[in-house]
Structure formats: C-alpha cells, structure tokens
C-alpha cells in the first residue's frame, strides 16, 4: 500500500489523528514462567494436574491409595503479525518531520493495540467449553441481571472470585455506573477490574487481513461474516495463557537502506492467546442474538 503524505503548509504543531484507546487486554498477560518450550519452536507446554479424591478409611487396612496425574499439555503460538513502513526522507522533511516521527506511535495506538484486543477477545470467545449466553440487553437493569447470572454461573463452576475481570461495551458499563445505586455498586465491586471495550474490538470471531491479497492490502482485521457482537465478558485471569514470545520494533535509517532513500519502521509480534483446558469455566461470554 503506497504512502499518502500531505506536505505541510502552515505548520501549527497540532496533529489530526484518529481517536483510539490503548490496549484494554494488557492486564491479561500471563506469567510466562509457568510454561516452557515445547518439542517444536512454535509450541509451549504447560502443566496440568489432577488428583484422586478421598476414599473410606479402614481401621484394619488404613488408607485407600490415591494418585497424582501431572501432564504437560502442548499448545501452539497463534499470533504472528508484522509490518514495514517506509517514509522517503524528502516526504518526511517536507512534512516537518511528522511523517516518520509520528508513524511509529500511530502504528501502535491505531493498529497494534486494537488488533491485539480484538484477537484476544475473539480467540477466547470461540474456545470450546467456555460459558456462553446470548440475548439483547436494553438497559442497565437488564445488564445487572445478566452480570449476576454470569457471576452465579461461575460460582457454581467453582471459579475463584478473586481475579475476575469484567470487560463490557461502553454503553452497558456506563449505564450501570450512571445508576449509582447500592445494587449497582455492590455488583461492580465484585470485579477486580472493569474495562470498557470499544465494540469494534469486541466480536466473537474476526478475520485477519494479510496485507497482500486483493482487498486486504490495508492489513489489520475486520469483523467476520458470521461473528456476533459481544456485550460483555468475564475473564478469570489465571485461566488465560497470553504472552508474547517475540516483539521486534526497529528503526532503520535511510543511510542503511540499500533499496531506497527512505527511513524504515519495522514491527513484528509473535505470541499466544489461549486458555488452560481445565479452566475454561473461568471465561464467560454474553453476546448479542
């Protein structure tokens, strides 16, 4: 995709930039020490443990014999994305050094953060054996009822209450916060954190644009044809596997560029978003019908 750069005329020091929130899923990042390299370079393995239960104690023969089953589960890295942006040195000079100077920041804020959030939510929302509900939520009262239903569902599944994070659309979360009632405060206080998620990052499935084929040259992502809008998700952080194995963010000056008189920004992120097989009850998704 070619660069589009307007030359500066009357420089004001202000930048017309797209509004974008920073990443809202950064607090889901896992402790990578709980995993280790797998047999293949693109895999990690993590421990999964189960123990047998109690048996009847016999005064003659004593205890029943229990067992510990420790297995190492394998999962593959599922996120490998990157881009290279070139800015001609004259284009940069004639735009008052804004073209290159702001490109990296804009890339992170406008593209990297939203895509990371959308991929995280869509990946977790489409996992097997998570708790799901579908329906229309028209007002704050209905949202509170849906939150209580979800909370009770996780309680019944014996998901620890500590570490539950609430992610919801701005319309829903702001509507409950605006109530400012005892009930609303008590329900919201149950969660370790509450995050507003733009609807454009909150889908059950997304399509990752490859940046190469016709119609996908712009890269980034889009809502999949069969996707549902997500109303809210409750995520128990210890249930999640989310970390980056490799992040490369480099600047190559024009003097080191053998192909063109242009400065280059390179960015690549290689990582994983998944959930432990025995902890899928720690993910609750409520989506629109």
Protein backbone atom coordinates (compact mmCIF):
# COMPACT_ATOMS: atom_id res chain seq x y z
CA UNK A 1 0.00 0.00 0.00
CA UNK A 2 1.62 3.33 -1.06
CA UNK A 3 2.20 6.11 1.45
CA UNK A 4 -0.15 9.09 1.42
CA UNK A 5 1.57 12.15 2.90
CA UNK A 6 0.27 15.72 2.64
CA UNK A 7 3.02 18.34 2.58
CA UNK A 8 2.98 20.92 5.37
CA UNK A 9 1.96 24.49 4.51
CA UNK A 10 1.17 26.40 7.70
CA UNK A 11 2.58 24.30 10.48
CA UNK A 12 0.56 24.63 13.69
CA UNK A 13 2.08 21.96 15.91
CA UNK A 14 -1.24 20.10 16.16
CA UNK A 15 -1.86 16.69 14.68
CA UNK A 16 -5.15 15.47 13.20
CA UNK A 17 -5.12 11.90 14.43
CA UNK A 18 -7.67 9.14 14.75
CA UNK A 19 -9.13 8.63 18.21
CA UNK A 20 -8.06 5.27 19.61
CA UNK A 21 -7.93 3.77 23.08
CA UNK A 22 -4.84 1.99 24.32
CA UNK A 23 -4.96 -1.77 24.68
CA UNK A 24 -7.54 -2.95 27.22
CA UNK A 25 -6.24 -6.53 27.41
CA UNK A 26 -2.71 -5.81 28.60
CA UNK A 27 -3.70 -6.82 32.15
CA UNK A 28 -4.45 -10.35 30.92
CA UNK A 29 -0.78 -11.02 30.18
CA UNK A 30 0.30 -14.28 31.83
CA UNK A 31 3.33 -15.22 33.84
CA UNK A 32 5.50 -16.88 31.20
CA UNK A 33 7.45 -18.83 33.85
CA UNK A 34 4.55 -21.30 34.07
CA UNK A 35 5.27 -22.52 30.56
CA UNK A 36 8.34 -23.87 28.83
CA UNK A 37 9.48 -24.52 25.30
CA UNK A 38 7.84 -27.45 23.52
CA UNK A 39 9.34 -30.01 21.18
CA UNK A 40 8.83 -27.61 18.28
CA UNK A 41 9.89 -23.96 18.24
CA UNK A 42 6.32 -22.77 17.72
CA UNK A 43 4.91 -24.57 20.77
CA UNK A 44 4.83 -24.21 24.51
CA UNK A 45 3.89 -26.77 27.12
CA UNK A 46 2.25 -26.12 30.47
CA UNK A 47 1.49 -28.31 33.49
CA UNK A 48 -1.97 -29.75 34.11
CA UNK A 49 -2.55 -31.58 37.39
CA UNK A 50 -5.38 -33.70 38.78
CA UNK A 51 -5.55 -35.72 41.98
CA UNK A 52 -7.85 -38.53 43.07
CA UNK A 53 -10.40 -37.95 45.82
CA UNK A 54 -10.90 -39.31 49.30
CA UNK A 55 -11.85 -42.93 49.97
CA UNK A 56 -13.18 -44.76 53.01
CA UNK A 57 -10.67 -45.20 55.80
CA UNK A 58 -10.42 -48.77 57.06
CA UNK A 59 -9.21 -49.33 60.64
CA UNK A 60 -7.51 -52.56 59.60
CA UNK A 61 -6.02 -51.76 56.20
CA UNK A 62 -5.79 -47.98 56.62
CA UNK A 63 -5.92 -45.52 53.76
CA UNK A 64 -7.05 -46.05 50.20
CA UNK A 65 -4.36 -45.34 47.64
CA UNK A 66 -4.67 -42.05 45.79
CA UNK A 67 -2.85 -40.79 42.75
CA UNK A 68 -1.50 -37.61 41.24
CA UNK A 69 -1.73 -37.16 37.49
CA UNK A 70 0.64 -34.48 36.20
CA UNK A 71 0.60 -33.97 32.45
CA UNK A 72 2.29 -31.48 30.19
CA UNK A 73 -0.13 -30.04 27.64
CA UNK A 74 1.07 -28.60 24.35
CA UNK A 75 -0.33 -25.53 22.63
CA UNK A 76 0.96 -23.64 19.62
CA UNK A 77 1.64 -19.94 19.25
CA UNK A 78 -1.22 -18.48 17.23
CA UNK A 79 -0.32 -14.85 16.59
CA UNK A 80 2.41 -13.76 14.16
CA UNK A 81 1.86 -10.34 12.65
CA UNK A 82 4.05 -7.52 11.42
CA UNK A 83 4.54 -4.65 9.02
CA UNK A 84 7.23 -2.49 7.46
CA UNK A 85 6.62 1.21 6.86
CA UNK A 86 8.96 3.26 4.64
CA UNK A 87 8.97 7.06 4.56
CA UNK A 88 11.02 8.91 1.94
CA UNK A 89 13.42 11.32 3.60
CA UNK A 90 12.12 14.24 1.50
CA UNK A 91 8.50 13.43 2.33
CA UNK A 92 9.49 13.42 5.96
CA UNK A 93 11.39 16.70 5.69
CA UNK A 94 8.57 18.43 3.83
CA UNK A 95 6.03 17.30 6.40
CA UNK A 96 8.13 18.92 9.15
CA UNK A 97 9.45 15.52 10.30
CA UNK A 98 5.96 14.45 11.33
CA UNK A 99 5.59 11.67 8.76
CA UNK A 100 8.25 9.43 10.21
CA UNK A 101 8.30 10.80 13.74
CA UNK A 102 4.63 10.02 14.35
CA UNK A 103 4.29 6.88 12.22
CA UNK A 104 5.53 4.50 14.91
CA UNK A 105 3.30 5.95 17.62
CA UNK A 106 0.29 5.90 15.32
CA UNK A 107 1.00 2.31 14.35
CA UNK A 108 1.00 1.19 17.98
CA UNK A 109 -2.04 3.20 19.03
CA UNK A 110 -4.22 2.93 15.96
CA UNK A 111 -3.39 -0.57 14.71
CA UNK A 112 -1.37 -2.73 17.12
CA UNK A 113 -3.42 -2.14 20.29
CA UNK A 114 -6.87 -2.52 18.71
CA UNK A 115 -5.84 -5.66 16.83
CA UNK A 116 -4.32 -7.24 19.93
CA UNK A 117 -7.55 -6.64 21.85
CA UNK A 118 -9.79 -7.90 19.05
CA UNK A 119 -7.68 -11.04 18.60
CA UNK A 120 -7.64 -11.73 22.34
CA UNK A 121 -11.40 -11.44 22.77
CA UNK A 122 -12.27 -13.32 19.58
CA UNK A 123 -9.87 -16.15 20.43
CA UNK A 124 -11.16 -16.59 23.98
CA UNK A 125 -14.78 -16.15 22.92
CA UNK A 126 -14.54 -19.01 20.41
CA UNK A 127 -12.89 -21.58 22.70
CA UNK A 128 -14.67 -24.82 23.50
CA UNK A 129 -16.23 -25.39 26.92
CA UNK A 130 -16.49 -21.76 27.99
CA UNK A 131 -19.74 -20.43 29.47
CA UNK A 132 -21.90 -18.51 27.00
CA UNK A 133 -25.18 -16.63 26.86
CA UNK A 134 -26.93 -14.80 24.06
CA UNK A 135 -29.57 -12.11 24.20
CA UNK A 136 -30.48 -8.48 23.97
CA UNK A 137 -29.61 -6.12 26.81
CA UNK A 138 -31.64 -2.93 26.52
CA UNK A 139 -30.93 -1.14 29.79
CA UNK A 140 -28.81 -1.03 32.92
CA UNK A 141 -31.23 -3.16 34.93
CA UNK A 142 -31.04 -5.98 32.39
CA UNK A 143 -27.26 -5.68 32.34
CA UNK A 144 -27.09 -6.03 36.14
CA UNK A 145 -29.31 -9.11 35.96
CA UNK A 146 -27.07 -10.60 33.25
CA UNK A 147 -23.97 -9.91 35.35
CA UNK A 148 -25.49 -11.64 38.37
CA UNK A 149 -26.45 -14.63 36.22
CA UNK A 150 -22.89 -14.83 34.93
CA UNK A 151 -21.40 -14.41 38.41
CA UNK A 152 -23.61 -17.17 39.79
CA UNK A 153 -22.71 -19.44 36.88
CA UNK A 154 -19.02 -19.04 37.65
CA UNK A 155 -19.66 -19.56 41.37
CA UNK A 156 -21.45 -22.82 40.64
CA UNK A 157 -18.49 -23.87 38.48
CA UNK A 158 -16.24 -23.13 41.49
CA UNK A 159 -14.25 -20.44 39.72
CA UNK A 160 -12.42 -18.37 42.37
CA UNK A 161 -13.99 -14.97 42.85
CA UNK A 162 -10.62 -13.26 43.17
CA UNK A 163 -9.13 -12.25 39.85
CA UNK A 164 -12.35 -11.94 37.83
CA UNK A 165 -12.15 -9.13 35.28
CA UNK A 166 -15.17 -7.54 33.61
CA UNK A 167 -14.98 -6.35 30.01
CA UNK A 168 -18.08 -4.64 28.59
CA UNK A 169 -19.15 -2.20 25.91
CA UNK A 170 -19.15 1.45 26.86
CA UNK A 171 -22.94 1.67 26.53
CA UNK A 172 -23.53 -1.11 29.05
CA UNK A 173 -20.82 -0.34 31.57
CA UNK A 174 -21.51 3.39 31.61
CA UNK A 175 -25.25 2.76 32.01
CA UNK A 176 -24.67 0.76 35.20
CA UNK A 177 -22.15 3.22 36.59
CA UNK A 178 -24.65 6.02 35.97
CA UNK A 179 -27.24 4.30 38.17
CA UNK A 180 -25.08 4.80 41.26
CA UNK A 181 -27.33 2.59 43.37
CA UNK A 182 -26.38 0.27 46.19
CA UNK A 183 -27.11 -2.74 43.98
CA UNK A 184 -25.04 -1.48 41.06
CA UNK A 185 -22.09 -0.54 43.28
CA UNK A 186 -22.13 -3.92 45.03
CA UNK A 187 -22.20 -5.85 41.77
CA UNK A 188 -19.43 -3.83 40.12
CA UNK A 189 -17.32 -4.02 43.27
CA UNK A 190 -17.19 -7.80 42.90
CA UNK A 191 -14.79 -7.50 39.97
CA UNK A 192 -11.07 -6.94 40.34
CA UNK A 193 -11.17 -4.58 37.36
CA UNK A 194 -13.75 -3.18 34.97
CA UNK A 195 -12.75 -2.23 31.42
CA UNK A 196 -14.67 -0.51 28.65
CA UNK A 197 -14.17 -2.24 25.29
CA UNK A 198 -14.99 -0.46 22.01
CA UNK A 199 -17.49 -2.55 20.06
CA UNK A 200 -15.12 -2.54 17.08
CA UNK A 201 -12.78 -4.78 19.13
CA UNK A 202 -15.49 -6.95 20.68
CA UNK A 203 -16.56 -9.72 18.29
CA UNK A 204 -16.87 -13.48 18.66
CA UNK A 205 -14.75 -14.01 15.53
CA UNK A 206 -12.60 -11.78 13.33
CA UNK A 207 -10.78 -12.04 10.01
CA UNK A 208 -7.10 -11.13 10.00
CA UNK A 209 -6.24 -9.29 6.78
CA UNK A 210 -2.93 -10.48 5.33
CA UNK A 211 -1.85 -7.15 3.79
CA UNK A 212 -1.06 -8.83 0.46
CA UNK A 213 -4.05 -10.23 -1.41
CA UNK A 214 -6.59 -8.11 -3.28
CA UNK A 215 -8.98 -6.41 -0.89
CA UNK A 216 -6.69 -6.97 2.09
CA UNK A 217 -3.82 -4.67 1.18
CA UNK A 218 -4.52 -2.34 4.09
CA UNK A 219 -3.92 -5.13 6.61
CA UNK A 220 -5.40 -5.05 10.14
CA UNK A 221 -8.60 -7.02 10.87
CA UNK A 222 -12.35 -6.92 10.35
CA UNK A 223 -15.46 -8.47 11.83
CA UNK A 224 -16.07 -11.95 10.41
CA UNK A 225 -19.22 -12.54 8.42
CA UNK A 226 -20.62 -14.98 10.99
CA UNK A 227 -19.49 -13.03 14.04
CA UNK A 228 -21.68 -11.80 16.86
CA UNK A 229 -21.19 -8.57 18.75
CA UNK A 230 -20.11 -9.27 22.33
CA UNK A 231 -21.97 -7.47 25.12
CA UNK A 232 -19.59 -8.41 27.90
CA UNK A 233 -17.07 -10.99 29.00
CA UNK A 234 -15.95 -12.04 32.47
CA UNK A 235 -12.46 -13.50 32.48
CA UNK A 236 -10.67 -15.14 35.39
CA UNK A 237 -7.09 -14.14 34.71
CA UNK A 238 -5.46 -17.38 35.98
CA UNK A 239 -7.42 -19.25 33.30
CA UNK A 240 -5.67 -17.41 30.48
CA UNK A 241 -2.45 -18.09 28.57
CA UNK A 242 -1.41 -14.83 26.98
CA UNK A 243 2.09 -13.57 26.35
CA UNK A 244 4.44 -12.51 23.58
CA UNK A 245 7.41 -14.71 22.82
CA UNK A 246 8.99 -12.18 20.49
CA UNK A 247 8.41 -8.49 19.76
CA UNK A 248 10.63 -6.68 17.25
CA UNK A 249 10.37 -2.91 16.89
CA UNK A 250 13.20 -1.47 14.85
CA UNK A 251 14.06 1.75 13.04
CA UNK A 252 16.36 1.55 10.04
CA UNK A 253 17.71 4.93 8.88
CA UNK A 254 17.80 5.80 5.22
CA UNK A 255 21.61 5.62 5.25
CA UNK A 256 21.32 1.88 5.97
CA UNK A 257 18.53 1.23 3.49
CA UNK A 258 20.01 -0.30 0.31
CA UNK A 259 16.76 -0.13 -1.67
CA UNK A 260 15.54 3.45 -1.27
CA UNK A 261 16.32 6.81 0.28
CA UNK A 262 13.77 6.19 3.00
CA UNK A 263 13.67 5.57 6.71
CA UNK A 264 12.01 2.31 7.76
CA UNK A 265 9.94 1.26 10.76
CA UNK A 266 9.67 -2.49 11.29
CA UNK A 267 7.31 -4.08 13.77
CA UNK A 268 6.53 -7.74 14.49
CA UNK A 269 4.77 -9.51 17.33
CA UNK A 270 4.74 -13.27 17.85
CA UNK A 271 2.75 -14.68 20.72
CA UNK A 272 -0.14 -16.70 22.01
CA UNK A 273 -3.66 -16.29 23.35
CA UNK A 274 -5.29 -19.41 24.76
CA UNK A 275 -6.79 -20.80 27.97
CA UNK A 276 -5.99 -23.77 30.16
CA UNK A 277 -8.08 -26.80 29.27
CA UNK A 278 -9.25 -27.36 32.85
CA UNK A 279 -10.12 -23.70 33.46
CA UNK A 280 -12.49 -22.86 30.63
CA UNK A 281 -15.25 -22.17 33.18
CA UNK A 282 -13.22 -19.07 34.01
CA UNK A 283 -14.41 -17.45 30.76
CA UNK A 284 -17.98 -16.19 30.39
CA UNK A 285 -19.20 -14.60 27.15
CA UNK A 286 -22.50 -12.78 26.62
CA UNK A 287 -23.18 -11.84 23.01
CA UNK A 288 -25.99 -10.27 21.05
CA UNK A 289 -28.55 -12.50 19.39
